[in-house]
Structures are given as C-alpha cells and as structure tokens.
Amino acid sequence: MTTNALSIDLLRIDADTQARVKISVETVDEYAEVIGNDPTWSMGPIDVFHDGADYFVADGFHRTLAAQRVGRASIPCKIHKGTARDARIFGMTANDSHGLRMSRADKRSCVEWLLDNGGKMPHAKIAETAGVDIRTVRRIVSERKEESDNPTHIPCRAMSYQTTQSTEEGRDAGGSSRPEEPRISHASGDGVKPRDPDVDLGHTARPDEPASNEPPKREEWRIARSITKKTVEALMRALDDLNDVRPIGFRDQSLDDCRAIILELNAMG
C-alpha cells in the first residue's frame, strides 16, 4: 500500500463500491465547509483500490464529494491493490473507528450484498465484515428464503408507518406518551381491496368503490391474516434486535417466553 495525492478526476465513485445505502448530504455539507476553510488536507487520506486501470473509492465518499464541491484538484489517497469488489468489502468496516457510523439499514444492506456476492463466505465471516451479530445474518437469510418460497409474501420492512405525533412530542405537549396508532400502507403494490358494503365492519362504501371479486368473509380473513403475519414478523425482528444488544451471558426468561409464543403463532400461519 502506498499513499499519494490523486487527481479527483481519477477517482471512481460510480462503480457500486459504496457500502452505505445512501450518501448523507448533511455530512457532505459539513466536510465541504471544513475543506473549503483549510488550504491543507487535515481530514486524513481516503482509501482507494487500484486494479491496474481504475482507482475505486472504498472509504472516503463523503470527503471526495465534499472536495469536488469546493473545487479541490486532488486528494491524498491510501492506494491498495484490488478490485471494485475488494473496495466495497473494505468500506464495510472502514467507519468502525472514524467518520459517519454505519446505520442499521447500511449494515443490513452489507449483509445482503455479501450473501449475493461473497461467494461461499461463511455466515460468521459475513457477520464480522458487516459489523453485526451472526443471529442477524441468520435472520436475514431466513427472511430471504421465506420471500423466495412465498413470492406473494409482503416483507415487514416494506410497510410504512406514519404517525401524527411522536412519543417525545406527546410528552412535550403534556399529553399521553403513547403515540397515535400507526396507519399501515403497503408499499409492495399488493393493494388491499375495499370491503364489501354488505359486511358490517364499520365501513361505509362509497358509490365509486369497485366491488370485490372475493367473497366478503374470505377477503376480510385474508386481509386480517396478512396484517397479523406482518405483526408477528415485526415482533420477531424486535426480539432479535434486543438479543443483538443483550450482554453476553445475560438471559431474560421473558424474552425467551415471548419468542416461543411468536414462533407458535407463526407456525399456526
């Protein structure tokens, strides 16, 4: 590995080597202000991988974009030998000790990318590289298998929860600390059909609502089953998140009991 100043024009940031889900505009703004006010480079060299032809940015996307914004001609770079794939894997752990930390969504994206592109990388190695617990890797593998086995399945993370008031806002306003019940919108495109007006469920059909093609009772059962299934998945993910942060050796019987109940519900379909 060598360290040299490279022209920004040589740096490839378009080769899918970014390990994050998205760039933080706020971080780029912050770095641009620092770089613009400092004629020297005090932010540390970025890491790039050179395959003999291209220089792929592995760690330093925010700094590179900030330098581009202020018109800087070159950036100090640590130059590693390797491919775009090597650059992406390197970037997954580069921010463990500096810079903007990886979010939960970033780490999930890393796990899924490694599952698809890591060859025969063991789950333990995937967990280490992505910076997650091995149970998280196993959970994601299980979710992906379920989605593959059941194409009509709507993954829990596709739901959008909208609330009019957060818990903190409720406390500040002197009201109840419990937020408003979430309204669930299905982002997967599997729209929920309107209820039949003959079914007395507190719903009044509009004249322009199309009639359902399914028998009313069966349709309502299908909708309720779909929502229940997503709720079970959300509970399971919440328990897994608690286990991820649970101290080593610490056991909580209530969590184990909850998991057993949820697994039983899930088995019931």
Protein backbone atom coordinates (compact mmCIF):
# COMPACT_ATOMS: atom_id res chain seq x y z
CA MET A 1 0.00 0.00 0.00
CA THR A 2 1.25 3.46 -0.92
CA THR A 3 -0.01 6.97 -0.15
CA ASN A 4 -0.14 9.56 -2.93
CA ALA A 5 -2.20 12.57 -3.90
CA LEU A 6 -4.50 11.57 -6.76
CA SER A 7 -6.48 13.80 -9.07
CA ILE A 8 -10.17 13.78 -8.23
CA ASP A 9 -10.87 13.05 -11.89
CA LEU A 10 -9.20 9.64 -11.47
CA LEU A 11 -11.33 8.55 -8.53
CA ARG A 12 -14.20 6.18 -9.37
CA ILE A 13 -17.27 6.68 -7.18
CA ASP A 14 -19.67 5.18 -9.75
CA ALA A 15 -18.63 1.52 -9.59
CA ASP A 16 -21.02 0.34 -6.86
CA THR A 17 -18.30 0.34 -4.21
CA GLN A 18 -20.30 2.41 -1.73
CA ALA A 19 -21.24 0.20 1.23
CA ARG A 20 -23.89 2.61 2.53
CA VAL A 21 -27.49 2.72 1.42
CA LYS A 22 -27.18 6.42 0.63
CA ILE A 23 -24.92 9.44 0.98
CA SER A 24 -25.55 11.83 3.88
CA VAL A 25 -26.00 15.28 2.38
CA GLU A 26 -25.52 16.85 5.81
CA THR A 27 -22.14 15.15 6.20
CA VAL A 28 -21.00 16.31 2.75
CA ASP A 29 -22.04 19.86 3.66
CA GLU A 30 -20.10 19.67 6.92
CA TYR A 31 -16.95 18.29 5.25
CA ALA A 32 -17.14 20.83 2.43
CA GLU A 33 -17.12 23.65 4.96
CA VAL A 34 -14.05 22.19 6.68
CA ILE A 35 -12.18 21.58 3.41
CA GLY A 36 -13.10 24.98 2.00
CA ASN A 37 -11.67 26.76 5.03
CA ASP A 38 -8.47 24.69 5.12
CA PRO A 39 -5.91 25.05 2.30
CA THR A 40 -4.18 21.90 3.55
CA TRP A 41 -5.84 18.48 3.83
CA SER A 42 -6.37 17.71 7.50
CA MET A 43 -9.09 15.05 7.19
CA GLY A 44 -6.81 12.08 6.58
CA PRO A 45 -6.27 10.21 3.29
CA ILE A 46 -9.11 8.29 1.72
CA ASP A 47 -8.75 4.60 0.79
CA VAL A 48 -8.88 3.55 -2.85
CA PHE A 49 -8.29 0.23 -4.64
CA HIS A 50 -6.34 0.09 -7.88
CA ASP A 51 -6.86 -2.82 -10.29
CA GLY A 52 -4.24 -1.59 -12.75
CA ALA A 53 -6.63 0.65 -14.61
CA ASP A 54 -9.09 2.34 -12.23
CA TYR A 55 -8.97 3.79 -8.75
CA PHE A 56 -12.10 2.73 -6.86
CA VAL A 57 -13.04 4.72 -3.76
CA ALA A 58 -13.54 2.34 -0.82
CA ASP A 59 -13.58 4.67 2.18
CA GLY A 60 -13.98 8.41 1.71
CA PHE A 61 -17.08 9.01 -0.42
CA HIS A 62 -18.27 11.93 1.68
CA ARG A 63 -14.81 13.52 1.66
CA THR A 64 -14.48 13.02 -2.10
CA LEU A 65 -17.86 14.62 -2.80
CA ALA A 66 -17.05 17.49 -0.45
CA ALA A 67 -13.71 18.05 -2.19
CA GLN A 68 -15.46 18.07 -5.58
CA ARG A 69 -17.95 20.64 -4.32
CA VAL A 70 -15.26 23.11 -3.24
CA GLY A 71 -13.22 22.55 -6.42
CA ARG A 72 -10.23 20.77 -4.94
CA ALA A 73 -7.97 19.25 -7.61
CA SER A 74 -6.53 16.27 -5.72
CA ILE A 75 -6.91 14.21 -2.54
CA PRO A 76 -4.34 12.25 -0.50
CA CYS A 77 -5.11 8.56 -1.01
CA LYS A 78 -4.02 5.27 0.51
CA ILE A 79 -3.73 3.06 -2.57
CA HIS A 80 -4.47 -0.65 -2.14
CA LYS A 81 -4.19 -3.30 -4.83
CA GLY A 82 -7.54 -4.84 -5.63
CA THR A 83 -10.82 -4.76 -7.49
CA ALA A 84 -14.09 -2.88 -7.09
CA ARG A 85 -15.40 -5.85 -5.07
CA ASP A 86 -12.42 -5.58 -2.71
CA ALA A 87 -13.12 -1.86 -2.33
CA ARG A 88 -16.73 -2.45 -1.34
CA ILE A 89 -15.87 -5.08 1.25
CA PHE A 90 -13.15 -2.85 2.70
CA GLY A 91 -15.61 0.03 3.04
CA MET A 92 -17.97 -2.05 5.19
CA THR A 93 -15.63 -1.91 8.18
CA ALA A 94 -13.74 1.31 7.44
CA ASN A 95 -16.04 3.51 9.54
CA ASP A 96 -15.90 1.41 12.68
CA SER A 97 -13.37 3.80 14.21
CA HIS A 98 -13.87 7.10 12.37
CA GLY A 99 -16.27 9.12 10.25
CA LEU A 100 -20.01 8.66 9.94
CA ARG A 101 -21.01 5.36 11.57
CA MET A 102 -22.91 2.77 9.58
CA SER A 103 -26.66 2.78 10.23
CA ARG A 104 -28.77 -0.32 10.84
CA ALA A 105 -30.04 -0.08 7.24
CA ASP A 106 -26.44 0.20 5.98
CA LYS A 107 -25.44 -2.95 7.86
CA ARG A 108 -28.42 -4.90 6.57
CA SER A 109 -27.51 -3.81 3.03
CA CYS A 110 -23.96 -5.05 3.63
CA VAL A 111 -25.21 -8.44 4.81
CA GLU A 112 -27.48 -8.85 1.79
CA TRP A 113 -24.72 -7.80 -0.62
CA LEU A 114 -22.29 -10.30 0.93
CA LEU A 115 -24.89 -13.06 0.72
CA ASP A 116 -25.25 -12.35 -3.00
CA ASN A 117 -21.62 -11.55 -3.85
CA GLY A 118 -19.49 -13.12 -1.14
CA GLY A 119 -19.16 -16.48 -2.80
CA LYS A 120 -19.02 -19.18 -0.13
CA MET A 121 -18.23 -16.73 2.69
CA PRO A 122 -19.36 -18.32 6.00
CA HIS A 123 -22.12 -16.61 7.93
CA ALA A 124 -19.71 -15.87 10.79
CA LYS A 125 -17.38 -14.04 8.40
CA ILE A 126 -20.30 -12.12 6.87
CA ALA A 127 -21.36 -11.02 10.36
CA GLU A 128 -17.82 -9.90 11.18
CA THR A 129 -17.42 -7.99 7.91
CA ALA A 130 -20.83 -6.29 8.12
CA GLY A 131 -20.40 -5.49 11.82
CA VAL A 132 -23.48 -7.39 13.03
CA ASP A 133 -24.27 -10.36 15.24
CA ILE A 134 -24.39 -13.73 13.48
CA ARG A 135 -28.02 -14.07 14.59
CA THR A 136 -28.82 -11.05 12.43
CA VAL A 137 -27.27 -12.77 9.42
CA ARG A 138 -29.27 -15.93 10.08
CA ARG A 139 -32.47 -13.92 10.46
CA ILE A 140 -31.92 -12.13 7.13
CA VAL A 141 -31.17 -15.46 5.44
CA SER A 142 -34.43 -16.85 6.86
CA GLU A 143 -36.42 -13.82 5.68
CA ARG A 144 -34.98 -14.05 2.18
CA LYS A 145 -35.78 -17.76 1.99
CA GLU A 146 -39.35 -17.12 3.08
CA GLU A 147 -39.74 -14.40 0.47
CA SER A 148 -38.31 -16.74 -2.18
CA ASP A 149 -40.59 -19.62 -1.17
CA ASN A 150 -43.63 -17.36 -1.00
CA PRO A 151 -43.49 -14.72 -3.79
CA THR A 152 -46.78 -13.16 -2.64
CA HIS A 153 -45.35 -12.58 0.83
CA ILE A 154 -45.09 -8.89 1.77
CA PRO A 155 -41.94 -8.36 3.86
CA CYS A 156 -42.44 -6.44 7.07
CA ARG A 157 -39.88 -3.80 6.15
CA ALA A 158 -41.99 -2.80 3.13
CA MET A 159 -44.64 -1.31 5.39
CA SER A 160 -44.63 2.41 6.04
CA TYR A 161 -45.72 3.53 9.49
CA GLN A 162 -46.99 7.10 9.72
CA THR A 163 -47.81 8.79 13.00
CA THR A 164 -49.07 12.31 13.54
CA GLN A 165 -47.24 12.73 16.82
CA SER A 166 -44.09 11.12 18.20
CA THR A 167 -43.74 9.91 21.75
CA GLU A 168 -41.42 12.79 22.61
CA GLU A 169 -43.77 15.36 21.08
CA GLY A 170 -46.63 13.90 23.09
CA ARG A 171 -44.70 14.33 26.33
CA ASP A 172 -43.69 17.89 25.44
CA ALA A 173 -47.30 18.78 24.76
CA GLY A 174 -48.36 17.42 28.12
CA GLY A 175 -50.41 14.66 26.59
CA SER A 176 -50.13 10.91 26.70
CA SER A 177 -46.71 9.44 25.95
CA ARG A 178 -48.32 6.82 23.75
CA PRO A 179 -48.21 7.82 20.06
CA GLU A 180 -51.20 7.61 17.79
CA GLU A 181 -51.88 4.14 16.44
CA PRO A 182 -49.92 3.73 13.18
CA ARG A 183 -51.64 3.71 9.82
CA ILE A 184 -50.23 0.92 7.67
CA SER A 185 -49.64 1.46 3.98
CA HIS A 186 -48.47 -1.44 1.83
CA ALA A 187 -45.56 -0.31 -0.31
CA SER A 188 -45.21 -3.56 -2.21
CA GLY A 189 -48.04 -2.91 -4.65
CA ASP A 190 -50.31 -5.65 -3.27
CA GLY A 191 -53.18 -3.26 -2.61
CA VAL A 192 -55.91 -4.07 -0.11
CA LYS A 193 -59.27 -4.40 -1.82
CA PRO A 194 -62.21 -2.38 -0.46
CA ARG A 195 -64.58 -4.13 1.90
CA ASP A 196 -67.96 -5.25 0.73
CA PRO A 197 -70.67 -2.83 1.96
CA ASP A 198 -72.81 -5.81 2.99
CA VAL A 199 -70.26 -6.77 5.63
CA ASP A 200 -70.97 -4.83 8.81
CA LEU A 201 -67.42 -3.87 9.85
CA GLY A 202 -67.91 -0.18 10.44
CA HIS A 203 -67.05 0.67 6.84
CA THR A 204 -69.38 2.62 4.55
CA ALA A 205 -68.61 2.03 0.89
CA ARG A 206 -68.51 4.97 -1.48
CA PRO A 207 -70.63 4.78 -4.66
CA ASP A 208 -67.47 4.77 -6.78
CA GLU A 209 -65.84 1.85 -4.94
CA PRO A 210 -65.48 -1.26 -7.16
CA ALA A 211 -66.98 -4.50 -5.98
CA SER A 212 -64.63 -7.16 -4.66
CA ASN A 213 -64.12 -10.33 -6.64
CA GLU A 214 -63.76 -12.39 -3.47
CA PRO A 215 -66.49 -13.48 -1.06
CA PRO A 216 -66.67 -10.83 1.71
CA LYS A 217 -65.80 -13.12 4.62
CA ARG A 218 -62.88 -14.72 2.81
CA GLU A 219 -61.49 -11.35 1.78
CA GLU A 220 -61.67 -9.96 5.30
CA TRP A 221 -59.96 -13.10 6.61
CA ARG A 222 -57.19 -12.75 4.00
CA ILE A 223 -56.57 -9.12 4.94
CA ALA A 224 -56.55 -9.84 8.67
CA ARG A 225 -54.21 -12.82 8.18
CA SER A 226 -51.78 -10.72 6.12
CA ILE A 227 -51.62 -7.96 8.74
CA THR A 228 -51.27 -10.48 11.57
CA LYS A 229 -48.39 -12.19 9.77
CA LYS A 230 -46.55 -8.89 9.36
CA THR A 231 -47.10 -8.08 13.03
CA VAL A 232 -45.58 -11.43 14.03
CA GLU A 233 -42.56 -10.72 11.80
CA ALA A 234 -42.15 -7.25 13.30
CA LEU A 235 -42.22 -8.71 16.82
CA MET A 236 -39.63 -11.32 15.88
CA ARG A 237 -37.32 -8.68 14.44
CA ALA A 238 -37.73 -6.56 17.58
CA LEU A 239 -36.75 -9.55 19.74
CA ASP A 240 -33.72 -10.19 17.53
CA ASP A 241 -32.68 -6.55 17.91
CA LEU A 242 -32.94 -6.91 21.70
CA ASN A 243 -30.82 -10.04 21.56
CA ASP A 244 -28.20 -8.20 19.49
CA VAL A 245 -27.62 -5.73 22.33
CA ARG A 246 -28.12 -8.17 25.21
CA PRO A 247 -24.92 -8.53 27.29
CA ILE A 248 -23.06 -11.80 26.81
CA GLY A 249 -24.22 -14.39 29.33
CA PHE A 250 -27.32 -12.41 30.30
CA ARG A 251 -30.62 -14.24 29.97
CA ASP A 252 -34.13 -12.90 30.29
CA GLN A 253 -36.78 -15.60 30.58
CA SER A 254 -39.49 -13.17 29.47
CA LEU A 255 -37.76 -12.68 26.10
CA ASP A 256 -37.46 -16.44 25.63
CA ASP A 257 -41.14 -16.87 26.51
CA CYS A 258 -42.12 -14.17 24.01
CA ARG A 259 -40.05 -15.81 21.30
CA ALA A 260 -41.71 -19.18 21.95
CA ILE A 261 -45.18 -17.62 21.70
CA ILE A 262 -44.32 -15.79 18.49
CA LEU A 263 -42.87 -18.90 16.90
CA GLU A 264 -46.05 -20.78 17.82
CA LEU A 265 -48.19 -18.05 16.24
CA ASN A 266 -46.05 -18.08 13.12
CA ALA A 267 -46.38 -21.87 12.85
CA MET A 268 -50.15 -21.53 13.01
CA GLY A 269 -50.00 -19.46 9.79
